[in-house]
Amino acid sequence: MVYVFLLLDRPDAEALRLSVRPEHKIYLAQLADRIAFAGPLRSESGSMIGSLLAIDFPSEVAARAWLSEEPFTKAGLYASTHIHAFDNMWPQKVGFPSL
């Protein structure tokens, strides 16, 4: 099952996000073959304000366990976290970089 993570940063936490981001990317890379999509959420001005991830996990318990060890979570970056099961019913055509 794919789970979507809507993760919003604490206010004024962009410096923390940038300092922990290398560890976050390494942690994500461990699941590269299970990621449907992942990336930062941005404010109207372009600053990073959170993350949106869609990752395949065997259960919500496994998804929550993964998030508890995620470097941004451990650093206290997020003001709020939401995890929901997700059924992708639309083929992606826009917003994905060419590889």
N, C-alpha and C. Protein backbone atom coordinates (compact mmCIF):
# COMPACT_ATOMS: atom_id res chain seq x y z
N MET A 1 0.85 -1.17 0.00
CA MET A 1 0.00 0.00 0.00
C MET A 1 0.90 1.23 0.00
N VAL A 2 0.54 2.21 -0.82
CA VAL A 2 1.28 3.48 -0.82
C VAL A 2 0.70 4.36 0.28
N TYR A 3 1.59 4.97 1.03
CA TYR A 3 1.21 5.93 2.07
C TYR A 3 1.76 7.29 1.70
N VAL A 4 0.91 8.31 1.86
CA VAL A 4 1.31 9.68 1.59
C VAL A 4 1.60 10.35 2.92
N PHE A 5 2.74 11.02 2.96
CA PHE A 5 3.18 11.76 4.14
C PHE A 5 3.07 13.25 3.83
N LEU A 6 2.27 13.97 4.58
CA LEU A 6 2.19 15.42 4.48
C LEU A 6 2.86 15.96 5.74
N LEU A 7 4.03 16.54 5.57
CA LEU A 7 4.89 16.93 6.69
C LEU A 7 5.18 18.42 6.59
N LEU A 8 4.69 19.18 7.56
CA LEU A 8 4.86 20.64 7.54
C LEU A 8 5.88 21.07 8.58
N ASP A 9 6.80 21.93 8.15
CA ASP A 9 7.89 22.38 9.02
C ASP A 9 7.40 23.36 10.08
N ARG A 10 8.18 23.43 11.16
CA ARG A 10 7.98 24.49 12.14
C ARG A 10 8.28 25.83 11.47
N PRO A 11 7.68 26.92 11.93
CA PRO A 11 8.01 28.23 11.34
C PRO A 11 9.50 28.54 11.51
N ASP A 12 10.04 29.23 10.55
CA ASP A 12 11.43 29.70 10.60
C ASP A 12 12.44 28.56 10.80
N ALA A 13 12.20 27.42 10.15
CA ALA A 13 13.07 26.26 10.33
C ALA A 13 13.86 25.93 9.08
N GLU A 14 13.93 26.85 8.12
CA GLU A 14 14.60 26.52 6.87
C GLU A 14 16.09 26.20 7.07
N ALA A 15 16.76 26.90 7.99
CA ALA A 15 18.18 26.60 8.24
C ALA A 15 18.35 25.19 8.78
N LEU A 16 17.46 24.76 9.68
CA LEU A 16 17.51 23.39 10.20
C LEU A 16 17.27 22.40 9.06
N ARG A 17 16.28 22.67 8.22
CA ARG A 17 15.99 21.79 7.08
C ARG A 17 17.23 21.63 6.20
N LEU A 18 17.87 22.74 5.87
CA LEU A 18 19.04 22.68 4.99
C LEU A 18 20.20 21.93 5.63
N SER A 19 20.38 22.07 6.93
CA SER A 19 21.50 21.40 7.58
C SER A 19 21.29 19.88 7.69
N VAL A 20 20.06 19.44 7.80
CA VAL A 20 19.76 18.01 7.96
C VAL A 20 19.45 17.35 6.62
N ARG A 21 19.23 18.13 5.59
CA ARG A 21 18.80 17.60 4.29
C ARG A 21 19.71 16.50 3.72
N PRO A 22 21.04 16.60 3.83
CA PRO A 22 21.87 15.50 3.31
C PRO A 22 21.56 14.15 3.97
N GLU A 23 21.35 14.14 5.28
CA GLU A 23 20.99 12.89 5.98
C GLU A 23 19.61 12.40 5.55
N HIS A 24 18.69 13.33 5.38
CA HIS A 24 17.33 13.01 4.93
C HIS A 24 17.37 12.33 3.56
N LYS A 25 18.17 12.85 2.65
CA LYS A 25 18.24 12.28 1.30
C LYS A 25 18.86 10.88 1.32
N ILE A 26 19.85 10.65 2.17
CA ILE A 26 20.45 9.32 2.31
C ILE A 26 19.42 8.34 2.85
N TYR A 27 18.65 8.79 3.84
CA TYR A 27 17.62 7.93 4.44
C TYR A 27 16.55 7.58 3.40
N LEU A 28 16.12 8.56 2.61
CA LEU A 28 15.15 8.31 1.54
C LEU A 28 15.70 7.35 0.50
N ALA A 29 16.96 7.51 0.14
CA ALA A 29 17.56 6.68 -0.90
C ALA A 29 17.51 5.19 -0.56
N GLN A 30 17.45 4.86 0.71
CA GLN A 30 17.35 3.46 1.12
C GLN A 30 16.04 2.81 0.64
N LEU A 31 15.05 3.66 0.31
CA LEU A 31 13.74 3.18 -0.16
C LEU A 31 13.49 3.56 -1.61
N ALA A 32 14.51 3.87 -2.36
CA ALA A 32 14.35 4.43 -3.71
C ALA A 32 13.41 3.62 -4.58
N ASP A 33 13.44 2.31 -4.48
CA ASP A 33 12.60 1.48 -5.34
C ASP A 33 11.14 1.42 -4.88
N ARG A 34 10.84 2.03 -3.72
CA ARG A 34 9.47 2.03 -3.18
C ARG A 34 8.84 3.42 -3.17
N ILE A 35 9.55 4.42 -3.67
CA ILE A 35 9.05 5.80 -3.65
C ILE A 35 8.29 6.09 -4.93
N ALA A 36 7.01 6.47 -4.79
CA ALA A 36 6.20 6.89 -5.94
C ALA A 36 6.55 8.33 -6.31
N PHE A 37 6.65 9.18 -5.30
CA PHE A 37 7.13 10.55 -5.50
C PHE A 37 7.55 11.12 -4.15
N ALA A 38 8.41 12.12 -4.20
CA ALA A 38 8.90 12.75 -2.97
C ALA A 38 9.49 14.11 -3.32
N GLY A 39 9.27 15.08 -2.45
CA GLY A 39 9.88 16.39 -2.67
C GLY A 39 9.43 17.39 -1.63
N PRO A 40 10.09 18.55 -1.63
CA PRO A 40 9.74 19.58 -0.67
C PRO A 40 8.49 20.34 -1.10
N LEU A 41 7.73 20.77 -0.10
CA LEU A 41 6.65 21.72 -0.32
C LEU A 41 7.26 23.11 -0.25
N ARG A 42 6.76 24.02 -1.06
CA ARG A 42 7.33 25.37 -1.10
C ARG A 42 6.27 26.43 -0.86
N SER A 43 6.71 27.52 -0.24
CA SER A 43 5.84 28.68 -0.05
C SER A 43 5.73 29.42 -1.38
N GLU A 44 4.87 30.40 -1.42
CA GLU A 44 4.72 31.21 -2.63
C GLU A 44 6.03 31.88 -3.02
N SER A 45 6.87 32.20 -2.02
CA SER A 45 8.16 32.85 -2.30
C SER A 45 9.25 31.85 -2.71
N GLY A 46 8.95 30.55 -2.58
CA GLY A 46 9.91 29.53 -3.00
C GLY A 46 10.67 28.85 -1.88
N SER A 47 10.50 29.29 -0.64
CA SER A 47 11.23 28.64 0.45
C SER A 47 10.57 27.30 0.79
N MET A 48 11.38 26.35 1.27
CA MET A 48 10.88 25.04 1.62
C MET A 48 10.14 25.11 2.95
N ILE A 49 8.93 24.56 2.98
CA ILE A 49 8.08 24.65 4.17
C ILE A 49 7.58 23.28 4.64
N GLY A 50 8.00 22.22 3.98
CA GLY A 50 7.56 20.90 4.37
C GLY A 50 7.94 19.88 3.32
N SER A 51 7.37 18.69 3.45
CA SER A 51 7.66 17.60 2.52
C SER A 51 6.37 16.87 2.16
N LEU A 52 6.33 16.35 0.94
CA LEU A 52 5.25 15.49 0.49
C LEU A 52 5.90 14.23 -0.09
N LEU A 53 5.59 13.09 0.51
CA LEU A 53 6.19 11.82 0.12
C LEU A 53 5.08 10.81 -0.14
N ALA A 54 5.28 9.95 -1.10
CA ALA A 54 4.39 8.81 -1.34
C ALA A 54 5.27 7.58 -1.47
N ILE A 55 5.16 6.68 -0.49
CA ILE A 55 6.08 5.55 -0.39
C ILE A 55 5.29 4.28 -0.09
N ASP A 56 5.68 3.19 -0.72
CA ASP A 56 5.05 1.90 -0.50
C ASP A 56 5.57 1.27 0.79
N PHE A 57 4.64 0.91 1.68
CA PHE A 57 4.95 0.20 2.93
C PHE A 57 3.96 -0.94 3.10
N PRO A 58 4.34 -1.97 3.82
CA PRO A 58 3.41 -3.08 4.03
C PRO A 58 2.23 -2.74 4.93
N SER A 59 2.38 -1.68 5.75
CA SER A 59 1.32 -1.30 6.68
C SER A 59 1.54 0.13 7.17
N GLU A 60 0.50 0.69 7.76
CA GLU A 60 0.64 2.02 8.36
C GLU A 60 1.61 1.98 9.53
N VAL A 61 1.62 0.89 10.25
CA VAL A 61 2.57 0.73 11.37
C VAL A 61 4.01 0.85 10.84
N ALA A 62 4.30 0.20 9.73
CA ALA A 62 5.64 0.27 9.13
C ALA A 62 5.95 1.68 8.65
N ALA A 63 4.96 2.36 8.07
CA ALA A 63 5.16 3.73 7.61
C ALA A 63 5.48 4.66 8.78
N ARG A 64 4.74 4.51 9.85
CA ARG A 64 4.97 5.35 11.04
C ARG A 64 6.33 5.04 11.69
N ALA A 65 6.71 3.78 11.70
CA ALA A 65 8.02 3.40 12.25
C ALA A 65 9.13 4.03 11.41
N TRP A 66 8.98 3.99 10.09
CA TRP A 66 9.98 4.61 9.21
C TRP A 66 10.08 6.10 9.49
N LEU A 67 8.94 6.77 9.61
CA LEU A 67 8.94 8.22 9.85
C LEU A 67 9.58 8.56 11.20
N SER A 68 9.40 7.71 12.19
CA SER A 68 9.98 8.00 13.52
C SER A 68 11.49 8.04 13.50
N GLU A 69 12.12 7.35 12.54
CA GLU A 69 13.57 7.32 12.42
C GLU A 69 14.11 8.27 11.36
N GLU A 70 13.22 8.96 10.66
CA GLU A 70 13.60 9.87 9.57
C GLU A 70 14.37 11.06 10.16
N PRO A 71 15.48 11.48 9.54
CA PRO A 71 16.33 12.53 10.12
C PRO A 71 15.62 13.86 10.40
N PHE A 72 14.73 14.31 9.53
CA PHE A 72 14.00 15.56 9.82
C PHE A 72 13.13 15.40 11.06
N THR A 73 12.49 14.23 11.21
CA THR A 73 11.67 13.97 12.38
C THR A 73 12.54 13.99 13.63
N LYS A 74 13.66 13.29 13.58
CA LYS A 74 14.54 13.21 14.75
C LYS A 74 15.12 14.58 15.12
N ALA A 75 15.29 15.46 14.13
CA ALA A 75 15.83 16.80 14.39
C ALA A 75 14.75 17.77 14.89
N GLY A 76 13.49 17.34 14.90
CA GLY A 76 12.41 18.20 15.38
C GLY A 76 11.96 19.24 14.36
N LEU A 77 12.15 18.97 13.07
CA LEU A 77 11.80 19.93 12.03
C LEU A 77 10.30 20.13 11.87
N TYR A 78 9.53 19.06 11.98
CA TYR A 78 8.13 19.12 11.61
C TYR A 78 7.23 19.67 12.72
N ALA A 79 6.34 20.59 12.32
CA ALA A 79 5.30 21.09 13.22
C ALA A 79 4.11 20.13 13.21
N SER A 80 3.87 19.49 12.05
CA SER A 80 2.77 18.53 11.96
C SER A 80 3.11 17.45 10.95
N THR A 81 2.60 16.26 11.23
CA THR A 81 2.80 15.12 10.34
C THR A 81 1.46 14.42 10.14
N HIS A 82 1.18 14.06 8.91
CA HIS A 82 -0.04 13.33 8.58
C HIS A 82 0.34 12.19 7.63
N ILE A 83 -0.18 11.02 7.89
CA ILE A 83 0.07 9.85 7.05
C ILE A 83 -1.29 9.27 6.65
N HIS A 84 -1.46 9.04 5.35
CA HIS A 84 -2.70 8.48 4.85
C HIS A 84 -2.42 7.43 3.79
N ALA A 85 -3.20 6.36 3.76
CA ALA A 85 -3.15 5.41 2.67
C ALA A 85 -3.60 6.12 1.40
N PHE A 86 -3.03 5.74 0.26
CA PHE A 86 -3.27 6.46 -0.99
C PHE A 86 -3.43 5.48 -2.14
N ASP A 87 -4.47 5.67 -2.94
CA ASP A 87 -4.67 4.93 -4.18
C ASP A 87 -4.44 5.88 -5.33
N ASN A 88 -3.40 5.66 -6.11
CA ASN A 88 -3.12 6.52 -7.26
C ASN A 88 -4.04 6.10 -8.41
N MET A 89 -4.93 7.00 -8.79
CA MET A 89 -5.91 6.70 -9.83
C MET A 89 -5.69 7.53 -11.09
N TRP A 90 -4.57 8.22 -11.18
CA TRP A 90 -4.33 9.11 -12.31
C TRP A 90 -2.90 8.97 -12.80
N PRO A 91 -2.68 8.80 -14.08
CA PRO A 91 -1.30 8.70 -14.59
C PRO A 91 -0.62 10.06 -14.55
N GLN A 92 0.58 10.11 -14.02
CA GLN A 92 1.31 11.36 -13.88
C GLN A 92 1.81 11.83 -15.24
N LYS A 93 1.61 13.12 -15.51
CA LYS A 93 2.08 13.71 -16.75
C LYS A 93 2.79 15.05 -16.51
N VAL A 94 2.55 15.69 -15.38
CA VAL A 94 3.06 17.03 -15.13
C VAL A 94 3.83 17.05 -13.81
N GLY A 95 4.90 17.83 -13.76
CA GLY A 95 5.59 18.07 -12.51
C GLY A 95 6.70 17.11 -12.17
N PHE A 96 7.01 16.19 -13.07
CA PHE A 96 8.06 15.23 -12.80
C PHE A 96 9.26 15.55 -13.70
N PRO A 97 10.44 15.65 -13.10
CA PRO A 97 11.63 15.96 -13.93
C PRO A 97 11.95 14.80 -14.87
N SER A 98 12.48 15.14 -16.02
CA SER A 98 12.91 14.07 -16.92
C SER A 98 14.21 13.48 -16.39
N LEU A 99 14.37 12.20 -16.53
CA LEU A 99 15.55 11.52 -15.97
C LEU A 99 16.60 11.38 -17.00
